[in-house]
Amino acid sequence: MTHKSLLSRDKVLSRQRAVDAVRKAHRRGERVVFTNGCFDLLHIGHVRSLEQARGLGDRLVVGVNTDASVRRIKGDGHPIITGRQRAEVLAALGCVDWVVSFRESTPLALIRALRPDVLAKGGDWGIDEIVGRKEVESWGGRVVRLREIPAVRTSLIVARAIRDSSR
């Protein structure tokens, strides 16, 4: 096992370890950004959004839905990649500081626990649809809609793979 993979796994935190890490970052005066998603089949749209989110602060925490949470949201057959693997892939990205999984259908409880300075969400979400917006704004944080990368969606990639495999 390489040294790099050990470092990536060290960035995958439990909820309590993530709360502790964010508190320490705040004490150091660092601005913490939070974003979340399923991140099944990581693609260029995800990477660009994560890089943009990281540019909004000093630390980036990524909340990732557990397998059960993804199934509730997207249905049977999802996720394609297990939660642990999705978390490790995200943690391997240089722009990501910490990854924390959440079981709930939304990240609201995690957002409340972490109290990020910035809540970033993909541009395909309307401002009023962003879970945690009111909470983050209530403690003086800000909410940012990230640039949308057109025509890049996991569902489109899966549909294309299915179509191509049936030829």
N, C-alpha and C. Protein backbone atom coordinates (compact mmCIF):
# COMPACT_ATOMS: atom_id res chain seq x y z
N MET A 1 0.85 -1.19 0.00
CA MET A 1 0.00 0.00 0.00
C MET A 1 0.89 1.24 0.00
N THR A 2 0.52 2.21 -0.80
CA THR A 2 1.36 3.39 -0.93
C THR A 2 1.05 4.40 0.18
N HIS A 3 2.03 5.24 0.41
CA HIS A 3 1.88 6.30 1.41
C HIS A 3 0.72 7.23 1.04
N LYS A 4 0.57 7.54 -0.24
CA LYS A 4 -0.49 8.44 -0.71
C LYS A 4 -1.88 7.90 -0.36
N SER A 5 -2.11 6.60 -0.56
CA SER A 5 -3.43 6.06 -0.27
C SER A 5 -3.74 6.12 1.22
N LEU A 6 -2.73 5.96 2.05
CA LEU A 6 -2.95 6.09 3.49
C LEU A 6 -3.38 7.52 3.85
N LEU A 7 -2.75 8.49 3.22
CA LEU A 7 -3.12 9.88 3.48
C LEU A 7 -4.55 10.15 3.04
N SER A 8 -4.96 9.62 1.90
CA SER A 8 -6.34 9.82 1.42
C SER A 8 -7.33 9.26 2.42
N ARG A 9 -7.07 8.04 2.89
CA ARG A 9 -8.01 7.44 3.85
C ARG A 9 -8.05 8.21 5.15
N ASP A 10 -6.95 8.83 5.52
CA ASP A 10 -6.92 9.64 6.75
C ASP A 10 -7.82 10.87 6.65
N LYS A 11 -8.18 11.26 5.44
CA LYS A 11 -9.04 12.41 5.22
C LYS A 11 -10.52 12.04 5.30
N VAL A 12 -10.82 10.75 5.38
CA VAL A 12 -12.21 10.29 5.53
C VAL A 12 -12.49 10.21 7.03
N LEU A 13 -13.37 11.09 7.51
CA LEU A 13 -13.59 11.25 8.94
C LEU A 13 -14.99 10.82 9.36
N SER A 14 -15.10 10.42 10.62
CA SER A 14 -16.42 10.22 11.22
C SER A 14 -17.03 11.60 11.42
N ARG A 15 -18.31 11.64 11.69
CA ARG A 15 -18.97 12.92 11.93
C ARG A 15 -18.30 13.67 13.07
N GLN A 16 -18.03 13.00 14.18
CA GLN A 16 -17.42 13.68 15.33
C GLN A 16 -16.02 14.19 15.01
N ARG A 17 -15.22 13.38 14.30
CA ARG A 17 -13.88 13.84 13.92
C ARG A 17 -13.96 15.03 12.97
N ALA A 18 -14.96 15.04 12.10
CA ALA A 18 -15.14 16.17 11.18
C ALA A 18 -15.51 17.43 11.96
N VAL A 19 -16.41 17.29 12.93
CA VAL A 19 -16.79 18.44 13.78
C VAL A 19 -15.56 18.97 14.49
N ASP A 20 -14.76 18.09 15.05
CA ASP A 20 -13.54 18.51 15.76
C ASP A 20 -12.56 19.21 14.81
N ALA A 21 -12.39 18.67 13.60
CA ALA A 21 -11.47 19.26 12.62
C ALA A 21 -11.94 20.65 12.21
N VAL A 22 -13.24 20.82 12.01
CA VAL A 22 -13.78 22.12 11.62
C VAL A 22 -13.62 23.12 12.76
N ARG A 23 -13.88 22.69 13.98
CA ARG A 23 -13.70 23.60 15.14
C ARG A 23 -12.26 24.07 15.24
N LYS A 24 -11.32 23.16 15.06
CA LYS A 24 -9.89 23.53 15.10
C LYS A 24 -9.56 24.51 13.98
N ALA A 25 -10.10 24.26 12.79
CA ALA A 25 -9.87 25.16 11.66
C ALA A 25 -10.42 26.55 11.98
N HIS A 26 -11.62 26.61 12.56
CA HIS A 26 -12.20 27.90 12.92
C HIS A 26 -11.34 28.62 13.96
N ARG A 27 -10.82 27.88 14.93
CA ARG A 27 -9.95 28.51 15.95
C ARG A 27 -8.68 29.09 15.32
N ARG A 28 -8.23 28.48 14.22
CA ARG A 28 -7.05 28.99 13.51
C ARG A 28 -7.42 30.14 12.58
N GLY A 29 -8.70 30.50 12.53
CA GLY A 29 -9.14 31.58 11.68
C GLY A 29 -9.38 31.17 10.23
N GLU A 30 -9.49 29.88 9.97
CA GLU A 30 -9.69 29.39 8.61
C GLU A 30 -11.17 29.41 8.24
N ARG A 31 -11.44 29.71 6.99
CA ARG A 31 -12.80 29.69 6.45
C ARG A 31 -13.07 28.29 5.93
N VAL A 32 -14.15 27.68 6.44
CA VAL A 32 -14.50 26.30 6.07
C VAL A 32 -15.67 26.30 5.10
N VAL A 33 -15.50 25.57 4.01
CA VAL A 33 -16.53 25.43 2.97
C VAL A 33 -17.07 24.01 3.05
N PHE A 34 -18.38 23.88 2.89
CA PHE A 34 -19.01 22.56 2.87
C PHE A 34 -19.79 22.40 1.58
N THR A 35 -19.68 21.24 0.98
CA THR A 35 -20.53 20.85 -0.12
C THR A 35 -20.87 19.38 0.05
N ASN A 36 -21.82 18.90 -0.71
CA ASN A 36 -22.22 17.50 -0.53
C ASN A 36 -22.80 16.93 -1.81
N GLY A 37 -22.92 15.62 -1.82
CA GLY A 37 -23.54 14.94 -2.94
C GLY A 37 -23.35 13.44 -2.85
N CYS A 38 -23.88 12.74 -3.84
CA CYS A 38 -23.71 11.29 -3.92
C CYS A 38 -22.35 10.94 -4.50
N PHE A 39 -21.91 11.69 -5.50
CA PHE A 39 -20.62 11.51 -6.15
C PHE A 39 -20.42 10.08 -6.65
N ASP A 40 -21.47 9.52 -7.21
CA ASP A 40 -21.38 8.20 -7.82
C ASP A 40 -20.78 8.41 -9.22
N LEU A 41 -19.78 7.67 -9.56
CA LEU A 41 -19.05 7.86 -10.83
C LEU A 41 -18.52 9.29 -10.94
N LEU A 42 -17.50 9.58 -10.19
CA LEU A 42 -16.89 10.90 -10.19
C LEU A 42 -16.52 11.32 -11.61
N HIS A 43 -16.92 12.53 -12.00
CA HIS A 43 -16.66 13.01 -13.35
C HIS A 43 -16.17 14.46 -13.32
N ILE A 44 -15.85 15.00 -14.49
CA ILE A 44 -15.26 16.33 -14.59
C ILE A 44 -16.16 17.42 -13.98
N GLY A 45 -17.46 17.26 -14.07
CA GLY A 45 -18.35 18.24 -13.44
C GLY A 45 -18.16 18.27 -11.93
N HIS A 46 -18.03 17.07 -11.33
CA HIS A 46 -17.76 17.00 -9.88
C HIS A 46 -16.43 17.68 -9.54
N VAL A 47 -15.40 17.31 -10.29
CA VAL A 47 -14.06 17.82 -10.00
C VAL A 47 -14.02 19.35 -10.10
N ARG A 48 -14.60 19.88 -11.16
CA ARG A 48 -14.60 21.35 -11.31
C ARG A 48 -15.40 22.03 -10.21
N SER A 49 -16.51 21.45 -9.83
CA SER A 49 -17.31 22.02 -8.74
C SER A 49 -16.55 21.98 -7.42
N LEU A 50 -15.88 20.87 -7.15
CA LEU A 50 -15.11 20.75 -5.91
C LEU A 50 -13.95 21.74 -5.89
N GLU A 51 -13.29 21.90 -7.02
CA GLU A 51 -12.19 22.87 -7.09
C GLU A 51 -12.72 24.29 -6.88
N GLN A 52 -13.86 24.60 -7.48
CA GLN A 52 -14.44 25.92 -7.29
C GLN A 52 -14.83 26.13 -5.83
N ALA A 53 -15.44 25.12 -5.22
CA ALA A 53 -15.83 25.21 -3.81
C ALA A 53 -14.61 25.45 -2.93
N ARG A 54 -13.53 24.73 -3.19
CA ARG A 54 -12.32 24.88 -2.39
C ARG A 54 -11.78 26.30 -2.47
N GLY A 55 -11.95 26.93 -3.63
CA GLY A 55 -11.48 28.30 -3.82
C GLY A 55 -12.24 29.34 -3.01
N LEU A 56 -13.34 28.92 -2.39
CA LEU A 56 -14.16 29.84 -1.59
C LEU A 56 -13.69 29.94 -0.14
N GLY A 57 -12.69 29.14 0.23
CA GLY A 57 -12.23 29.15 1.62
C GLY A 57 -10.89 28.48 1.79
N ASP A 58 -10.58 28.20 3.05
CA ASP A 58 -9.29 27.59 3.38
C ASP A 58 -9.35 26.08 3.50
N ARG A 59 -10.53 25.56 3.79
CA ARG A 59 -10.73 24.12 3.97
C ARG A 59 -12.02 23.71 3.27
N LEU A 60 -12.01 22.53 2.67
CA LEU A 60 -13.22 22.01 2.02
C LEU A 60 -13.61 20.68 2.66
N VAL A 61 -14.83 20.65 3.19
CA VAL A 61 -15.42 19.43 3.73
C VAL A 61 -16.47 18.97 2.73
N VAL A 62 -16.39 17.70 2.36
CA VAL A 62 -17.35 17.14 1.42
C VAL A 62 -18.19 16.09 2.15
N GLY A 63 -19.49 16.32 2.18
CA GLY A 63 -20.43 15.34 2.72
C GLY A 63 -20.84 14.41 1.60
N VAL A 64 -20.77 13.11 1.85
CA VAL A 64 -21.14 12.13 0.84
C VAL A 64 -22.23 11.21 1.39
N ASN A 65 -23.28 11.04 0.61
CA ASN A 65 -24.38 10.18 1.03
C ASN A 65 -23.92 8.73 1.18
N THR A 66 -24.37 8.06 2.23
CA THR A 66 -24.10 6.63 2.38
C THR A 66 -24.87 5.87 1.30
N ASP A 67 -24.57 4.59 1.15
CA ASP A 67 -25.26 3.77 0.16
C ASP A 67 -26.77 3.75 0.39
N ALA A 68 -27.19 3.59 1.64
CA ALA A 68 -28.63 3.55 1.95
C ALA A 68 -29.29 4.89 1.60
N SER A 69 -28.60 5.97 1.88
CA SER A 69 -29.13 7.30 1.57
C SER A 69 -29.28 7.48 0.06
N VAL A 70 -28.27 7.04 -0.70
CA VAL A 70 -28.35 7.14 -2.16
C VAL A 70 -29.52 6.32 -2.69
N ARG A 71 -29.71 5.12 -2.18
CA ARG A 71 -30.83 4.27 -2.62
C ARG A 71 -32.17 4.95 -2.36
N ARG A 72 -32.31 5.59 -1.19
CA ARG A 72 -33.56 6.31 -0.89
C ARG A 72 -33.81 7.43 -1.89
N ILE A 73 -32.76 8.11 -2.29
CA ILE A 73 -32.89 9.27 -3.17
C ILE A 73 -33.04 8.85 -4.64
N LYS A 74 -32.21 7.90 -5.07
CA LYS A 74 -32.12 7.58 -6.50
C LYS A 74 -32.74 6.25 -6.88
N GLY A 75 -33.08 5.41 -5.89
CA GLY A 75 -33.73 4.14 -6.20
C GLY A 75 -32.79 2.96 -6.29
N ASP A 76 -33.39 1.79 -6.53
CA ASP A 76 -32.62 0.56 -6.64
C ASP A 76 -31.61 0.67 -7.78
N GLY A 77 -30.52 -0.04 -7.63
CA GLY A 77 -29.46 0.02 -8.63
C GLY A 77 -28.45 1.11 -8.35
N HIS A 78 -28.69 1.89 -7.32
CA HIS A 78 -27.78 2.97 -6.93
C HIS A 78 -27.39 2.77 -5.48
N PRO A 79 -26.20 3.15 -5.12
CA PRO A 79 -25.16 3.69 -5.97
C PRO A 79 -24.45 2.58 -6.77
N ILE A 80 -23.71 3.01 -7.74
CA ILE A 80 -22.92 2.07 -8.54
C ILE A 80 -21.64 1.73 -7.79
N ILE A 81 -21.05 2.72 -7.17
CA ILE A 81 -19.80 2.60 -6.42
C ILE A 81 -20.15 2.68 -4.93
N THR A 82 -19.53 1.83 -4.10
CA THR A 82 -19.85 1.82 -2.67
C THR A 82 -19.45 3.15 -2.01
N GLY A 83 -20.10 3.43 -0.91
CA GLY A 83 -19.84 4.66 -0.18
C GLY A 83 -18.41 4.80 0.27
N ARG A 84 -17.84 3.74 0.76
CA ARG A 84 -16.44 3.80 1.22
C ARG A 84 -15.50 4.15 0.07
N GLN A 85 -15.74 3.52 -1.09
CA GLN A 85 -14.90 3.81 -2.24
C GLN A 85 -15.12 5.24 -2.74
N ARG A 86 -16.38 5.69 -2.76
CA ARG A 86 -16.65 7.07 -3.17
C ARG A 86 -15.95 8.06 -2.26
N ALA A 87 -15.98 7.79 -0.95
CA ALA A 87 -15.33 8.67 0.01
C ALA A 87 -13.82 8.70 -0.20
N GLU A 88 -13.21 7.55 -0.43
CA GLU A 88 -11.76 7.50 -0.64
C GLU A 88 -11.35 8.21 -1.93
N VAL A 89 -12.14 8.06 -2.99
CA VAL A 89 -11.82 8.74 -4.25
C VAL A 89 -11.89 10.25 -4.04
N LEU A 90 -12.92 10.72 -3.36
CA LEU A 90 -13.03 12.15 -3.08
C LEU A 90 -11.86 12.63 -2.23
N ALA A 91 -11.48 11.86 -1.23
CA ALA A 91 -10.39 12.23 -0.34
C ALA A 91 -9.05 12.30 -1.08
N ALA A 92 -8.93 11.57 -2.16
CA ALA A 92 -7.68 11.57 -2.93
C ALA A 92 -7.48 12.87 -3.72
N LEU A 93 -8.54 13.63 -3.89
CA LEU A 93 -8.44 14.90 -4.62
C LEU A 93 -7.73 15.95 -3.77
N GLY A 94 -6.81 16.65 -4.36
CA GLY A 94 -6.05 17.66 -3.64
C GLY A 94 -6.88 18.80 -3.10
N CYS A 95 -7.99 19.11 -3.74
CA CYS A 95 -8.83 20.23 -3.31
C CYS A 95 -9.71 19.88 -2.11
N VAL A 96 -9.80 18.61 -1.76
CA VAL A 96 -10.66 18.15 -0.67
C VAL A 96 -9.82 17.94 0.59
N ASP A 97 -10.25 18.58 1.68
CA ASP A 97 -9.54 18.41 2.95
C ASP A 97 -10.09 17.25 3.76
N TRP A 98 -11.43 17.17 3.85
CA TRP A 98 -12.06 16.12 4.64
C TRP A 98 -13.32 15.63 3.97
N VAL A 99 -13.60 14.35 4.15
CA VAL A 99 -14.82 13.74 3.62
C VAL A 99 -15.53 13.10 4.80
N VAL A 100 -16.83 13.31 4.87
CA VAL A 100 -17.64 12.71 5.94
C VAL A 100 -18.94 12.20 5.33
N SER A 101 -19.29 10.98 5.65
CA SER A 101 -20.53 10.39 5.14
C SER A 101 -21.70 10.75 6.03
N PHE A 102 -22.89 10.78 5.42
CA PHE A 102 -24.10 11.00 6.21
C PHE A 102 -25.18 10.05 5.75
N ARG A 103 -25.94 9.52 6.73
CA ARG A 103 -26.98 8.51 6.48
C ARG A 103 -28.32 9.10 6.08
N GLU A 104 -28.56 10.32 6.49
CA GLU A 104 -29.83 10.96 6.25
C GLU A 104 -30.02 11.25 4.76
N SER A 105 -31.24 11.53 4.36
CA SER A 105 -31.50 11.86 2.95
C SER A 105 -30.96 13.24 2.57
N THR A 106 -30.81 14.12 3.56
CA THR A 106 -30.22 15.44 3.31
C THR A 106 -29.08 15.64 4.31
N PRO A 107 -28.20 16.59 4.02
CA PRO A 107 -27.07 16.85 4.91
C PRO A 107 -27.37 17.85 6.03
N LEU A 108 -28.64 18.15 6.27
CA LEU A 108 -28.98 19.21 7.21
C LEU A 108 -28.36 19.01 8.60
N ALA A 109 -28.49 17.83 9.16
CA ALA A 109 -27.93 17.58 10.50
C ALA A 109 -26.41 17.74 10.49
N LEU A 110 -25.77 17.30 9.43
CA LEU A 110 -24.32 17.43 9.31
C LEU A 110 -23.92 18.90 9.19
N ILE A 111 -24.65 19.65 8.41
CA ILE A 111 -24.37 21.08 8.26
C ILE A 111 -24.52 21.78 9.62
N ARG A 112 -25.59 21.45 10.34
CA ARG A 112 -25.78 22.06 11.67
C ARG A 112 -24.64 21.71 12.61
N ALA A 113 -24.15 20.49 12.53
CA ALA A 113 -23.06 20.06 13.41
C ALA A 113 -21.74 20.74 13.04
N LEU A 114 -21.47 20.86 11.75
CA LEU A 114 -20.20 21.42 11.30
C LEU A 114 -20.14 22.95 11.35
N ARG A 115 -21.27 23.59 11.10
CA ARG A 115 -21.35 25.06 11.08
C ARG A 115 -20.31 25.68 10.12
N PRO A 116 -20.39 25.32 8.84
CA PRO A 116 -19.42 25.87 7.89
C PRO A 116 -19.64 27.36 7.65
N ASP A 117 -18.60 28.03 7.19
CA ASP A 117 -18.68 29.44 6.85
C ASP A 117 -19.35 29.64 5.50
N VAL A 118 -19.13 28.67 4.62
CA VAL A 118 -19.68 28.74 3.26
C VAL A 118 -20.33 27.40 2.93
N LEU A 119 -21.52 27.47 2.39
CA LEU A 119 -22.23 26.29 1.89
C LEU A 119 -22.25 26.42 0.37
N ALA A 120 -21.64 25.48 -0.32
CA ALA A 120 -21.56 25.53 -1.78
C ALA A 120 -22.34 24.36 -2.37
N LYS A 121 -23.11 24.65 -3.41
CA LYS A 121 -23.93 23.61 -4.05
C LYS A 121 -23.94 23.86 -5.54
N GLY A 122 -24.12 22.81 -6.30
CA GLY A 122 -24.11 22.90 -7.76
C GLY A 122 -25.12 23.89 -8.29
N GLY A 123 -24.77 24.50 -9.42
CA GLY A 123 -25.62 25.51 -10.03
C GLY A 123 -26.94 24.99 -10.54
N ASP A 124 -27.10 23.67 -10.58
CA ASP A 124 -28.39 23.11 -10.99
C ASP A 124 -29.41 23.16 -9.86
N TRP A 125 -28.99 23.58 -8.68
CA TRP A 125 -29.89 23.73 -7.53
C TRP A 125 -30.30 25.19 -7.43
N GLY A 126 -31.60 25.44 -7.31
CA GLY A 126 -32.08 26.79 -7.05
C GLY A 126 -31.71 27.20 -5.63
N ILE A 127 -31.50 28.48 -5.40
CA ILE A 127 -31.07 28.95 -4.09
C ILE A 127 -32.03 28.52 -2.98
N ASP A 128 -33.32 28.51 -3.26
CA ASP A 128 -34.30 28.11 -2.26
C ASP A 128 -34.38 26.60 -2.05
N GLU A 129 -33.74 25.83 -2.93
CA GLU A 129 -33.72 24.37 -2.82
C GLU A 129 -32.52 23.86 -2.03
N ILE A 130 -31.58 24.74 -1.73
CA ILE A 130 -30.33 24.31 -1.10
C ILE A 130 -30.57 24.05 0.38
N VAL A 131 -30.44 22.79 0.74
CA VAL A 131 -30.63 22.36 2.13
C VAL A 131 -29.55 22.98 3.00
N GLY A 132 -29.95 23.61 4.09
CA GLY A 132 -29.01 24.22 5.03
C GLY A 132 -28.78 25.70 4.78
N ARG A 133 -29.36 26.24 3.72
CA ARG A 133 -29.16 27.65 3.40
C ARG A 133 -29.55 28.56 4.56
N LYS A 134 -30.75 28.37 5.07
CA LYS A 134 -31.23 29.24 6.16
C LYS A 134 -30.34 29.14 7.38
N GLU A 135 -29.93 27.92 7.70
CA GLU A 135 -29.08 27.71 8.88
C GLU A 135 -27.74 28.42 8.72
N VAL A 136 -27.08 28.21 7.58
CA VAL A 136 -25.76 28.82 7.36
C VAL A 136 -25.87 30.34 7.37
N GLU A 137 -26.89 30.87 6.72
CA GLU A 137 -27.06 32.32 6.74
C GLU A 137 -27.37 32.83 8.14
N SER A 138 -28.05 32.02 8.97
CA SER A 138 -28.40 32.46 10.32
C SER A 138 -27.19 32.67 11.21
N TRP A 139 -26.09 31.95 10.95
CA TRP A 139 -24.88 32.18 11.76
C TRP A 139 -23.85 33.02 11.03
N GLY A 140 -24.31 33.73 9.98
CA GLY A 140 -23.43 34.68 9.31
C GLY A 140 -22.65 34.12 8.14
N GLY A 141 -22.92 32.88 7.79
CA GLY A 141 -22.23 32.28 6.65
C GLY A 141 -22.90 32.66 5.34
N ARG A 142 -22.31 32.22 4.26
CA ARG A 142 -22.90 32.52 2.96
C ARG A 142 -23.11 31.24 2.15
N VAL A 143 -24.02 31.34 1.21
CA VAL A 143 -24.37 30.22 0.35
C VAL A 143 -24.00 30.59 -1.08
N VAL A 144 -23.31 29.68 -1.75
CA VAL A 144 -22.83 29.94 -3.10
C VAL A 144 -23.30 28.83 -4.03
N ARG A 145 -23.90 29.23 -5.13
CA ARG A 145 -24.25 28.28 -6.19
C ARG A 145 -23.05 28.20 -7.13
N LEU A 146 -22.52 27.00 -7.29
CA LEU A 146 -21.34 26.79 -8.13
C LEU A 146 -21.73 26.79 -9.60
N ARG A 147 -20.75 27.07 -10.45
CA ARG A 147 -21.00 27.03 -11.89
C ARG A 147 -21.46 25.65 -12.31
N GLU A 148 -22.44 25.61 -13.15
CA GLU A 148 -22.94 24.34 -13.66
C GLU A 148 -22.13 23.96 -14.89
N ILE A 149 -21.76 22.70 -14.95
CA ILE A 149 -21.05 22.18 -16.11
C ILE A 149 -22.12 21.51 -16.98
N PRO A 150 -22.49 22.12 -18.10
CA PRO A 150 -23.60 21.60 -18.89
C PRO A 150 -23.32 20.22 -19.48
N ALA A 151 -24.38 19.42 -19.53
CA ALA A 151 -24.36 18.10 -20.19
C ALA A 151 -23.40 17.11 -19.54
N VAL A 152 -23.02 17.34 -18.30
CA VAL A 152 -22.17 16.37 -17.59
C VAL A 152 -22.93 15.94 -16.34
N ARG A 153 -23.49 14.77 -16.38
CA ARG A 153 -24.29 14.21 -15.28
C ARG A 153 -24.01 12.72 -15.19
N THR A 154 -23.97 12.21 -13.99
CA THR A 154 -23.78 10.77 -13.80
C THR A 154 -24.85 9.99 -14.54
N SER A 155 -26.09 10.45 -14.45
CA SER A 155 -27.19 9.73 -15.10
C SER A 155 -26.99 9.66 -16.62
N LEU A 156 -26.44 10.71 -17.21
CA LEU A 156 -26.18 10.69 -18.65
C LEU A 156 -25.05 9.72 -19.00
N ILE A 157 -24.03 9.67 -18.15
CA ILE A 157 -22.92 8.74 -18.36
C ILE A 157 -23.41 7.30 -18.28
N VAL A 158 -24.24 7.01 -17.28
CA VAL A 158 -24.79 5.65 -17.13
C VAL A 158 -25.68 5.30 -18.32
N ALA A 159 -26.54 6.21 -18.72
CA ALA A 159 -27.42 5.95 -19.87
C ALA A 159 -26.62 5.66 -21.12
N ARG A 160 -25.55 6.42 -21.33
CA ARG A 160 -24.70 6.19 -22.50
C ARG A 160 -24.02 4.82 -22.42
N ALA A 161 -23.52 4.45 -21.24
CA ALA A 161 -22.85 3.16 -21.06
C ALA A 161 -23.83 2.01 -21.34
N ILE A 162 -25.06 2.14 -20.88
CA ILE A 162 -26.07 1.11 -21.11
C ILE A 162 -26.39 1.02 -22.60
N ARG A 163 -26.59 2.19 -23.21
CA ARG A 163 -26.89 2.22 -24.64
C ARG A 163 -25.75 1.59 -25.45
N ASP A 164 -24.51 1.98 -25.13
CA ASP A 164 -23.35 1.47 -25.87
C ASP A 164 -23.12 -0.01 -25.65
N SER A 165 -23.45 -0.50 -24.45
CA SER A 165 -23.23 -1.92 -24.16
C SER A 165 -24.25 -2.81 -24.87
N SER A 166 -25.38 -2.24 -25.27
CA SER A 166 -26.41 -3.03 -25.91
C SER A 166 -26.23 -3.11 -27.43
N ARG A 167 -25.20 -2.47 -27.92
CA ARG A 167 -24.94 -2.49 -29.37
C ARG A 167 -24.25 -3.76 -29.78
